[in-house]
């Protein structure tokens, strides 16, 4: 009965117009979930780059300068793609 209670209550809520997940609410929810997933993916990618760069610098200390530069460029590219995806999520709401 606990599972059926929200379903039974939805008819009364839609009749009065107190629905929290209308078209605009669904757009906000989708944008929030999309932006959150994008941020988590970007953070995981940058963390993996940092981990691999640190490990490779520990193996070959003489190449640490070039490894550090390459890791910085790759992290900036991931950050740019992440920012672009977040902007796309927000534009979906603000159109």
C-alpha atoms as a PDB file:
ATOM      1  CA  UNK A   1       0.000   0.000   0.000  1.00  0.00           C
ATOM      2  CA  UNK A   2       2.946   2.327   0.598  1.00  0.00           C
ATOM      3  CA  UNK A   3       3.962   2.032  -3.048  1.00  0.00           C
ATOM      4  CA  UNK A   4       0.456   2.672  -4.357  1.00  0.00           C
ATOM      5  CA  UNK A   5      -0.171   5.747  -2.194  1.00  0.00           C
ATOM      6  CA  UNK A   6       1.773   8.239  -4.384  1.00  0.00           C
ATOM      7  CA  UNK A   7       0.114   6.863  -7.511  1.00  0.00           C
ATOM      8  CA  UNK A   8      -3.331   7.267  -6.028  1.00  0.00           C
ATOM      9  CA  UNK A   9      -2.506  10.773  -4.854  1.00  0.00           C
ATOM     10  CA  UNK A  10      -1.255  11.881  -8.279  1.00  0.00           C
ATOM     11  CA  UNK A  11      -4.776  12.262  -9.693  1.00  0.00           C
ATOM     12  CA  UNK A  12      -5.752  14.704  -6.967  1.00  0.00           C
ATOM     13  CA  UNK A  13      -2.501  16.625  -7.321  1.00  0.00           C
ATOM     14  CA  UNK A  14      -2.826  16.959 -11.095  1.00  0.00           C
ATOM     15  CA  UNK A  15      -6.422  18.142 -10.774  1.00  0.00           C
ATOM     16  CA  UNK A  16      -5.368  21.034  -8.554  1.00  0.00           C
ATOM     17  CA  UNK A  17      -2.292  21.895 -10.630  1.00  0.00           C
ATOM     18  CA  UNK A  18       0.259  21.285  -7.862  1.00  0.00           C
ATOM     19  CA  UNK A  19       2.599  19.112  -9.878  1.00  0.00           C
ATOM     20  CA  UNK A  20       6.257  19.754  -9.136  1.00  0.00           C
ATOM     21  CA  UNK A  21       7.513  17.871 -12.202  1.00  0.00           C
ATOM     22  CA  UNK A  22       5.880  19.701 -15.064  1.00  0.00           C
ATOM     23  CA  UNK A  23       7.715  20.528 -18.303  1.00  0.00           C
ATOM     24  CA  UNK A  24       9.912  23.189 -16.739  1.00  0.00           C
ATOM     25  CA  UNK A  25      10.642  21.092 -13.658  1.00  0.00           C
ATOM     26  CA  UNK A  26      11.668  18.136 -15.818  1.00  0.00           C
ATOM     27  CA  UNK A  27      14.012  20.401 -17.792  1.00  0.00           C
ATOM     28  CA  UNK A  28      15.620  21.670 -14.584  1.00  0.00           C
ATOM     29  CA  UNK A  29      15.979  18.130 -13.256  1.00  0.00           C
ATOM     30  CA  UNK A  30      17.491  16.885 -16.511  1.00  0.00           C
ATOM     31  CA  UNK A  31      19.937  19.784 -16.659  1.00  0.00           C
ATOM     32  CA  UNK A  32      20.998  19.236 -13.056  1.00  0.00           C
ATOM     33  CA  UNK A  33      21.544  15.515 -13.569  1.00  0.00           C
ATOM     34  CA  UNK A  34      23.360  16.096 -16.868  1.00  0.00           C
ATOM     35  CA  UNK A  35      25.639  18.772 -15.432  1.00  0.00           C
ATOM     36  CA  UNK A  36      26.413  16.596 -12.417  1.00  0.00           C
ATOM     37  CA  UNK A  37      27.340  13.617 -14.581  1.00  0.00           C
ATOM     38  CA  UNK A  38      29.521  15.796 -16.790  1.00  0.00           C
ATOM     39  CA  UNK A  39      31.372  17.237 -13.797  1.00  0.00           C
ATOM     40  CA  UNK A  40      31.938  13.786 -12.312  1.00  0.00           C
ATOM     41  CA  UNK A  41      33.254  12.471 -15.625  1.00  0.00           C
ATOM     42  CA  UNK A  42      35.599  15.411 -16.068  1.00  0.00           C
ATOM     43  CA  UNK A  43      36.899  15.075 -12.523  1.00  0.00           C
ATOM     44  CA  UNK A  44      37.527  11.361 -13.021  1.00  0.00           C
ATOM     45  CA  UNK A  45      39.403  12.042 -16.260  1.00  0.00           C
ATOM     46  CA  UNK A  46      41.595  14.756 -14.764  1.00  0.00           C
ATOM     47  CA  UNK A  47      42.288  12.565 -11.736  1.00  0.00           C
ATOM     48  CA  UNK A  48      43.338   9.717 -13.975  1.00  0.00           C
ATOM     49  CA  UNK A  49      45.663  12.002 -15.937  1.00  0.00           C
ATOM     50  CA  UNK A  50      47.243  13.251 -12.709  1.00  0.00           C
ATOM     51  CA  UNK A  51      47.682   9.735 -11.406  1.00  0.00           C
ATOM     52  CA  UNK A  52      49.293   8.507 -14.607  1.00  0.00           C
ATOM     53  CA  UNK A  53      51.543  11.561 -14.850  1.00  0.00           C
ATOM     54  CA  UNK A  54      52.738  11.145 -11.275  1.00  0.00           C
ATOM     55  CA  UNK A  55      53.419   7.462 -11.826  1.00  0.00           C
ATOM     56  CA  UNK A  56      55.344   8.081 -15.037  1.00  0.00           C
ATOM     57  CA  UNK A  57      57.395  10.880 -13.442  1.00  0.00           C
ATOM     58  CA  UNK A  58      58.311   8.496 -10.631  1.00  0.00           C
ATOM     59  CA  UNK A  59      59.514   5.943 -13.177  1.00  0.00           C
ATOM     60  CA  UNK A  60      61.456   8.426 -15.333  1.00  0.00           C
ATOM     61  CA  UNK A  61      62.411  11.533 -13.363  1.00  0.00           C
ATOM     62  CA  UNK A  62      64.484  12.928 -16.247  1.00  0.00           C
ATOM     63  CA  UNK A  63      61.347  13.265 -18.410  1.00  0.00           C
ATOM     64  CA  UNK A  64      59.262  14.989 -15.754  1.00  0.00           C
ATOM     65  CA  UNK A  65      59.216  18.342 -17.563  1.00  0.00           C
ATOM     66  CA  UNK A  66      57.676  17.006 -20.763  1.00  0.00           C
ATOM     67  CA  UNK A  67      55.287  14.725 -18.869  1.00  0.00           C
ATOM     68  CA  UNK A  68      54.134  17.629 -16.713  1.00  0.00           C
ATOM     69  CA  UNK A  69      53.494  19.815 -19.769  1.00  0.00           C
ATOM     70  CA  UNK A  70      51.574  17.091 -21.584  1.00  0.00           C
ATOM     71  CA  UNK A  71      49.464  16.351 -18.509  1.00  0.00           C
ATOM     72  CA  UNK A  72      48.645  20.038 -18.099  1.00  0.00           C
ATOM     73  CA  UNK A  73      47.547  20.349 -21.730  1.00  0.00           C
ATOM     74  CA  UNK A  74      45.405  17.203 -21.511  1.00  0.00           C
ATOM     75  CA  UNK A  75      43.779  18.382 -18.272  1.00  0.00           C
ATOM     76  CA  UNK A  76      42.977  21.742 -19.880  1.00  0.00           C
ATOM     77  CA  UNK A  77      41.379  19.996 -22.860  1.00  0.00           C
ATOM     78  CA  UNK A  78      39.203  17.866 -20.580  1.00  0.00           C
ATOM     79  CA  UNK A  79      38.248  20.947 -18.572  1.00  0.00           C
ATOM     80  CA  UNK A  80      37.237  22.744 -21.772  1.00  0.00           C
ATOM     81  CA  UNK A  81      35.068  19.853 -22.920  1.00  0.00           C
ATOM     82  CA  UNK A  82      33.485  19.676 -19.465  1.00  0.00           C
ATOM     83  CA  UNK A  83      32.704  23.388 -19.477  1.00  0.00           C
ATOM     84  CA  UNK A  84      31.189  23.111 -22.961  1.00  0.00           C
ATOM     85  CA  UNK A  85      28.956  20.224 -21.862  1.00  0.00           C
ATOM     86  CA  UNK A  86      27.763  22.114 -18.768  1.00  0.00           C
ATOM     87  CA  UNK A  87      26.918  25.133 -20.938  1.00  0.00           C
ATOM     88  CA  UNK A  88      24.939  22.870 -23.285  1.00  0.00           C
ATOM     89  CA  UNK A  89      23.000  21.492 -20.287  1.00  0.00           C
ATOM     90  CA  UNK A  90      22.203  25.003 -19.094  1.00  0.00           C
ATOM     91  CA  UNK A  91      21.203  26.191 -22.564  1.00  0.00           C
ATOM     92  CA  UNK A  92      18.688  23.369 -22.703  1.00  0.00           C
ATOM     93  CA  UNK A  93      16.932  24.925 -19.715  1.00  0.00           C
ATOM     94  CA  UNK A  94      17.249  28.570 -20.694  1.00  0.00           C
ATOM     95  CA  UNK A  95      16.020  28.326 -24.279  1.00  0.00           C
END
